[in-house]
Amino acid sequence: MSSRTQQIRGKLNSTIGQVKQSAGKASGNRVLQGKGVLQLLKGKAQSVHSAVLKGKEAALQQYRKNA
């Protein structure tokens, strides 16, 4: 999976997580609020993974260029 795909999925999961968390807080539904927090964290992890993939791709390009 490309870094761009991971970045998009990360942002999407973060946004959905924030919405779930807010909806859970507004309605007093602690389960929904907890699921929102988990999805928000999943999105942040995917964004970090995207950055790592992007760095790896850049490092490989630099290595091939200098080899």
PDB file of N, CA and C in Angstrom:
ATOM      1  N   MET A   1       0.844  -1.167   0.000  1.00  0.00           N
ATOM      2  CA  MET A   1       0.000   0.000   0.000  1.00  0.00           C
ATOM      3  C   MET A   1       0.896   1.238   0.000  1.00  0.00           C
ATOM      4  N   SER A   2       0.564   2.208  -0.806  1.00  0.00           N
ATOM      5  CA  SER A   2       1.417   3.380  -0.939  1.00  0.00           C
ATOM      6  C   SER A   2       1.264   4.319   0.254  1.00  0.00           C
ATOM      7  N   SER A   3       2.222   5.201   0.393  1.00  0.00           N
ATOM      8  CA  SER A   3       2.179   6.148   1.496  1.00  0.00           C
ATOM      9  C   SER A   3       1.005   7.113   1.342  1.00  0.00           C
ATOM     10  N   ARG A   4       0.669   7.434   0.107  1.00  0.00           N
ATOM     11  CA  ARG A   4      -0.464   8.344  -0.137  1.00  0.00           C
ATOM     12  C   ARG A   4      -1.776   7.700   0.309  1.00  0.00           C
ATOM     13  N   THR A   5      -1.950   6.422   0.013  1.00  0.00           N
ATOM     14  CA  THR A   5      -3.154   5.701   0.431  1.00  0.00           C
ATOM     15  C   THR A   5      -3.241   5.664   1.945  1.00  0.00           C
ATOM     16  N   GLN A   6      -2.132   5.377   2.607  1.00  0.00           N
ATOM     17  CA  GLN A   6      -2.112   5.337   4.062  1.00  0.00           C
ATOM     18  C   GLN A   6      -2.438   6.709   4.652  1.00  0.00           C
ATOM     19  N   GLN A   7      -1.928   7.753   4.017  1.00  0.00           N
ATOM     20  CA  GLN A   7      -2.174   9.107   4.491  1.00  0.00           C
ATOM     21  C   GLN A   7      -3.670   9.437   4.406  1.00  0.00           C
ATOM     22  N   ILE A   8      -4.296   9.093   3.296  1.00  0.00           N
ATOM     23  CA  ILE A   8      -5.728   9.354   3.121  1.00  0.00           C
ATOM     24  C   ILE A   8      -6.544   8.550   4.123  1.00  0.00           C
ATOM     25  N   ARG A   9      -6.216   7.273   4.277  1.00  0.00           N
ATOM     26  CA  ARG A   9      -6.941   6.436   5.246  1.00  0.00           C
ATOM     27  C   ARG A   9      -6.765   6.958   6.662  1.00  0.00           C
ATOM     28  N   GLY A  10      -5.578   7.421   6.968  1.00  0.00           N
ATOM     29  CA  GLY A  10      -5.318   7.969   8.298  1.00  0.00           C
ATOM     30  C   GLY A  10      -6.167   9.198   8.586  1.00  0.00           C
ATOM     31  N   LYS A  11      -6.228  10.099   7.629  1.00  0.00           N
ATOM     32  CA  LYS A  11      -7.040  11.309   7.812  1.00  0.00           C
ATOM     33  C   LYS A  11      -8.514  10.968   7.926  1.00  0.00           C
ATOM     34  N   LEU A  12      -8.961  10.023   7.114  1.00  0.00           N
ATOM     35  CA  LEU A  12     -10.354   9.613   7.142  1.00  0.00           C
ATOM     36  C   LEU A  12     -10.708   8.978   8.491  1.00  0.00           C
ATOM     37  N   ASN A  13      -9.880   8.073   8.973  1.00  0.00           N
ATOM     38  CA  ASN A  13     -10.134   7.439  10.264  1.00  0.00           C
ATOM     39  C   ASN A  13     -10.077   8.451  11.404  1.00  0.00           C
ATOM     40  N   SER A  14      -9.172   9.399  11.339  1.00  0.00           N
ATOM     41  CA  SER A  14      -9.096  10.429  12.372  1.00  0.00           C
ATOM     42  C   SER A  14     -10.373  11.264  12.407  1.00  0.00           C
ATOM     43  N   THR A  15     -10.840  11.647  11.238  1.00  0.00           N
ATOM     44  CA  THR A  15     -12.056  12.461  11.153  1.00  0.00           C
ATOM     45  C   THR A  15     -13.273  11.696  11.662  1.00  0.00           C
ATOM     46  N   ILE A  16     -13.426  10.457  11.208  1.00  0.00           N
ATOM     47  CA  ILE A  16     -14.558   9.637  11.660  1.00  0.00           C
ATOM     48  C   ILE A  16     -14.470   9.417  13.171  1.00  0.00           C
ATOM     49  N   GLY A  17     -13.283   9.189  13.671  1.00  0.00           N
ATOM     50  CA  GLY A  17     -13.090   9.001  15.103  1.00  0.00           C
ATOM     51  C   GLY A  17     -13.502  10.229  15.906  1.00  0.00           C
ATOM     52  N   GLN A  18     -13.141  11.408  15.399  1.00  0.00           N
ATOM     53  CA  GLN A  18     -13.520  12.645  16.087  1.00  0.00           C
ATOM     54  C   GLN A  18     -15.038  12.809  16.108  1.00  0.00           C
ATOM     55  N   VAL A  19     -15.692  12.486  14.997  1.00  0.00           N
ATOM     56  CA  VAL A  19     -17.150  12.591  14.923  1.00  0.00           C
ATOM     57  C   VAL A  19     -17.800  11.622  15.909  1.00  0.00           C
ATOM     58  N   LYS A  20     -17.333  10.377  15.928  1.00  0.00           N
ATOM     59  CA  LYS A  20     -17.884   9.383  16.859  1.00  0.00           C
ATOM     60  C   LYS A  20     -17.667   9.819  18.303  1.00  0.00           C
ATOM     61  N   GLN A  21     -16.496  10.314  18.588  1.00  0.00           N
ATOM     62  CA  GLN A  21     -16.183  10.749  19.944  1.00  0.00           C
ATOM     63  C   GLN A  21     -17.103  11.899  20.358  1.00  0.00           C
ATOM     64  N   SER A  22     -17.287  12.862  19.490  1.00  0.00           N
ATOM     65  CA  SER A  22     -18.163  13.996  19.783  1.00  0.00           C
ATOM     66  C   SER A  22     -19.613  13.562  19.943  1.00  0.00           C
ATOM     67  N   ALA A  23     -20.063  12.678  19.059  1.00  0.00           N
ATOM     68  CA  ALA A  23     -21.439  12.188  19.143  1.00  0.00           C
ATOM     69  C   ALA A  23     -21.652  11.409  20.432  1.00  0.00           C
ATOM     70  N   GLY A  24     -20.687  10.603  20.803  1.00  0.00           N
ATOM     71  CA  GLY A  24     -20.783   9.852  22.048  1.00  0.00           C
ATOM     72  C   GLY A  24     -20.809  10.752  23.263  1.00  0.00           C
ATOM     73  N   LYS A  25     -19.991  11.794  23.225  1.00  0.00           N
ATOM     74  CA  LYS A  25     -19.950  12.739  24.341  1.00  0.00           C
ATOM     75  C   LYS A  25     -21.274  13.499  24.445  1.00  0.00           C
ATOM     76  N   ALA A  26     -21.803  13.934  23.293  1.00  0.00           N
ATOM     77  CA  ALA A  26     -23.049  14.702  23.281  1.00  0.00           C
ATOM     78  C   ALA A  26     -24.251  13.869  23.742  1.00  0.00           C
ATOM     79  N   SER A  27     -24.250  12.598  23.384  1.00  0.00           N
ATOM     80  CA  SER A  27     -25.390  11.744  23.723  1.00  0.00           C
ATOM     81  C   SER A  27     -25.197  10.992  25.043  1.00  0.00           C
ATOM     82  N   GLY A  28     -24.027  11.103  25.634  1.00  0.00           N
ATOM     83  CA  GLY A  28     -23.752  10.393  26.875  1.00  0.00           C
ATOM     84  C   GLY A  28     -23.452   8.912  26.661  1.00  0.00           C
ATOM     85  N   ASN A  29     -23.177   8.537  25.428  1.00  0.00           N
ATOM     86  CA  ASN A  29     -22.886   7.147  25.083  1.00  0.00           C
ATOM     87  C   ASN A  29     -21.375   6.925  25.196  1.00  0.00           C
ATOM     88  N   ARG A  30     -20.951   6.343  26.311  1.00  0.00           N
ATOM     89  CA  ARG A  30     -19.524   6.172  26.555  1.00  0.00           C
ATOM     90  C   ARG A  30     -18.900   5.134  25.626  1.00  0.00           C
ATOM     91  N   VAL A  31     -19.695   4.157  25.185  1.00  0.00           N
ATOM     92  CA  VAL A  31     -19.171   3.136  24.268  1.00  0.00           C
ATOM     93  C   VAL A  31     -18.831   3.788  22.926  1.00  0.00           C
ATOM     94  N   LEU A  32     -19.738   4.602  22.408  1.00  0.00           N
ATOM     95  CA  LEU A  32     -19.490   5.300  21.136  1.00  0.00           C
ATOM     96  C   LEU A  32     -18.311   6.258  21.278  1.00  0.00           C
ATOM     97  N   GLN A  33     -18.249   6.932  22.405  1.00  0.00           N
ATOM     98  CA  GLN A  33     -17.141   7.845  22.647  1.00  0.00           C
ATOM     99  C   GLN A  33     -15.810   7.088  22.661  1.00  0.00           C
ATOM    100  N   GLY A  34     -15.787   5.922  23.289  1.00  0.00           N
ATOM    101  CA  GLY A  34     -14.572   5.106  23.322  1.00  0.00           C
ATOM    102  C   GLY A  34     -14.179   4.591  21.954  1.00  0.00           C
ATOM    103  N   LYS A  35     -15.189   4.174  21.172  1.00  0.00           N
ATOM    104  CA  LYS A  35     -14.893   3.720  19.807  1.00  0.00           C
ATOM    105  C   LYS A  35     -14.325   4.862  18.976  1.00  0.00           C
ATOM    106  N   GLY A  36     -14.820   6.058  19.223  1.00  0.00           N
ATOM    107  CA  GLY A  36     -14.296   7.226  18.513  1.00  0.00           C
ATOM    108  C   GLY A  36     -12.846   7.487  18.841  1.00  0.00           C
ATOM    109  N   VAL A  37     -12.509   7.373  20.108  1.00  0.00           N
ATOM    110  CA  VAL A  37     -11.117   7.574  20.529  1.00  0.00           C
ATOM    111  C   VAL A  37     -10.213   6.540  19.866  1.00  0.00           C
ATOM    112  N   LEU A  38     -10.661   5.283  19.859  1.00  0.00           N
ATOM    113  CA  LEU A  38      -9.856   4.227  19.239  1.00  0.00           C
ATOM    114  C   LEU A  38      -9.659   4.473  17.746  1.00  0.00           C
ATOM    115  N   GLN A  39     -10.725   4.896  17.056  1.00  0.00           N
ATOM    116  CA  GLN A  39     -10.601   5.137  15.620  1.00  0.00           C
ATOM    117  C   GLN A  39      -9.720   6.352  15.350  1.00  0.00           C
ATOM    118  N   LEU A  40      -9.799   7.347  16.217  1.00  0.00           N
ATOM    119  CA  LEU A  40      -8.930   8.518  16.095  1.00  0.00           C
ATOM    120  C   LEU A  40      -7.465   8.107  16.226  1.00  0.00           C
ATOM    121  N   LEU A  41      -7.171   7.259  17.201  1.00  0.00           N
ATOM    122  CA  LEU A  41      -5.797   6.785  17.387  1.00  0.00           C
ATOM    123  C   LEU A  41      -5.336   5.926  16.209  1.00  0.00           C
ATOM    124  N   LYS A  42      -6.253   5.128  15.671  1.00  0.00           N
ATOM    125  CA  LYS A  42      -5.924   4.325  14.490  1.00  0.00           C
ATOM    126  C   LYS A  42      -5.535   5.238  13.328  1.00  0.00           C
ATOM    127  N   GLY A  43      -6.291   6.304  13.143  1.00  0.00           N
ATOM    128  CA  GLY A  43      -5.980   7.255  12.077  1.00  0.00           C
ATOM    129  C   GLY A  43      -4.632   7.917  12.260  1.00  0.00           C
ATOM    130  N   LYS A  44      -4.323   8.269  13.495  1.00  0.00           N
ATOM    131  CA  LYS A  44      -3.016   8.889  13.761  1.00  0.00           C
ATOM    132  C   LYS A  44      -1.889   7.904  13.489  1.00  0.00           C
ATOM    133  N   ALA A  45      -2.097   6.636  13.852  1.00  0.00           N
ATOM    134  CA  ALA A  45      -1.081   5.610  13.589  1.00  0.00           C
ATOM    135  C   ALA A  45      -0.883   5.421  12.085  1.00  0.00           C
ATOM    136  N   GLN A  46      -1.979   5.454  11.332  1.00  0.00           N
ATOM    137  CA  GLN A  46      -1.860   5.313   9.877  1.00  0.00           C
ATOM    138  C   GLN A  46      -1.114   6.503   9.282  1.00  0.00           C
ATOM    139  N   SER A  47      -1.327   7.688   9.826  1.00  0.00           N
ATOM    140  CA  SER A  47      -0.615   8.868   9.334  1.00  0.00           C
ATOM    141  C   SER A  47       0.884   8.754   9.607  1.00  0.00           C
ATOM    142  N   VAL A  48       1.240   8.237  10.768  1.00  0.00           N
ATOM    143  CA  VAL A  48       2.658   8.023  11.095  1.00  0.00           C
ATOM    144  C   VAL A  48       3.244   6.978  10.148  1.00  0.00           C
ATOM    145  N   HIS A  49       2.496   5.915   9.913  1.00  0.00           N
ATOM    146  CA  HIS A  49       2.944   4.863   8.997  1.00  0.00           C
ATOM    147  C   HIS A  49       3.181   5.449   7.603  1.00  0.00           C
ATOM    148  N   SER A  50       2.310   6.346   7.178  1.00  0.00           N
ATOM    149  CA  SER A  50       2.462   7.009   5.886  1.00  0.00           C
ATOM    150  C   SER A  50       3.771   7.792   5.825  1.00  0.00           C
ATOM    151  N   ALA A  51       4.070   8.506   6.898  1.00  0.00           N
ATOM    152  CA  ALA A  51       5.304   9.288   6.936  1.00  0.00           C
ATOM    153  C   ALA A  51       6.532   8.387   6.887  1.00  0.00           C
ATOM    154  N   VAL A  52       6.459   7.250   7.560  1.00  0.00           N
ATOM    155  CA  VAL A  52       7.580   6.297   7.535  1.00  0.00           C
ATOM    156  C   VAL A  52       7.764   5.749   6.125  1.00  0.00           C
ATOM    157  N   LEU A  53       6.664   5.380   5.470  1.00  0.00           N
ATOM    158  CA  LEU A  53       6.757   4.873   4.101  1.00  0.00           C
ATOM    159  C   LEU A  53       7.331   5.922   3.154  1.00  0.00           C
ATOM    160  N   LYS A  54       6.903   7.160   3.339  1.00  0.00           N
ATOM    161  CA  LYS A  54       7.390   8.246   2.491  1.00  0.00           C
ATOM    162  C   LYS A  54       8.892   8.438   2.691  1.00  0.00           C
ATOM    163  N   GLY A  55       9.336   8.355   3.948  1.00  0.00           N
ATOM    164  CA  GLY A  55      10.766   8.477   4.244  1.00  0.00           C
ATOM    165  C   GLY A  55      11.560   7.318   3.669  1.00  0.00           C
ATOM    166  N   LYS A  56      10.993   6.125   3.744  1.00  0.00           N
ATOM    167  CA  LYS A  56      11.656   4.940   3.196  1.00  0.00           C
ATOM    168  C   LYS A  56      11.803   5.071   1.680  1.00  0.00           C
ATOM    169  N   GLU A  57      10.739   5.525   1.025  1.00  0.00           N
ATOM    170  CA  GLU A  57      10.790   5.695  -0.427  1.00  0.00           C
ATOM    171  C   GLU A  57      11.839   6.726  -0.820  1.00  0.00           C
ATOM    172  N   ALA A  58      11.924   7.804  -0.071  1.00  0.00           N
ATOM    173  CA  ALA A  58      12.920   8.844  -0.357  1.00  0.00           C
ATOM    174  C   ALA A  58      14.334   8.317  -0.138  1.00  0.00           C
ATOM    175  N   ALA A  59      14.517   7.549   0.925  1.00  0.00           N
ATOM    176  CA  ALA A  59      15.843   6.989   1.205  1.00  0.00           C
ATOM    177  C   ALA A  59      16.266   6.007   0.117  1.00  0.00           C
ATOM    178  N   LEU A  60      15.333   5.180  -0.356  1.00  0.00           N
ATOM    179  CA  LEU A  60      15.655   4.240  -1.428  1.00  0.00           C
ATOM    180  C   LEU A  60      16.014   4.966  -2.724  1.00  0.00           C
ATOM    181  N   GLN A  61      15.294   6.030  -3.025  1.00  0.00           N
ATOM    182  CA  GLN A  61      15.598   6.807  -4.231  1.00  0.00           C
ATOM    183  C   GLN A  61      16.995   7.427  -4.125  1.00  0.00           C
ATOM    184  N   GLN A  62      17.306   7.951  -2.952  1.00  0.00           N
ATOM    185  CA  GLN A  62      18.623   8.556  -2.753  1.00  0.00           C
ATOM    186  C   GLN A  62      19.719   7.500  -2.864  1.00  0.00           C
ATOM    187  N   TYR A  63      19.488   6.321  -2.307  1.00  0.00           N
ATOM    188  CA  TYR A  63      20.461   5.240  -2.372  1.00  0.00           C
ATOM    189  C   TYR A  63      20.698   4.804  -3.807  1.00  0.00           C
ATOM    190  N   ARG A  64      19.608   4.627  -4.564  1.00  0.00           N
ATOM    191  CA  ARG A  64      19.746   4.219  -5.968  1.00  0.00           C
ATOM    192  C   ARG A  64      20.446   5.296  -6.801  1.00  0.00           C
ATOM    193  N   LYS A  65      20.197   6.526  -6.471  1.00  0.00           N
ATOM    194  CA  LYS A  65      20.811   7.641  -7.185  1.00  0.00           C
ATOM    195  C   LYS A  65      22.328   7.657  -6.960  1.00  0.00           C
ATOM    196  N   ASN A  66      22.739   7.345  -5.741  1.00  0.00           N
ATOM    197  CA  ASN A  66      24.162   7.380  -5.403  1.00  0.00           C
ATOM    198  C   ASN A  66      24.885   6.081  -5.693  1.00  0.00           C
ATOM    199  N   ALA A  67      24.149   5.022  -5.977  1.00  0.00           N
ATOM    200  CA  ALA A  67      24.791   3.714  -6.206  1.00  0.00           C
ATOM    201  C   ALA A  67      25.377   3.591  -7.583  1.00  0.00           C
TER     202      ALA A  67
END
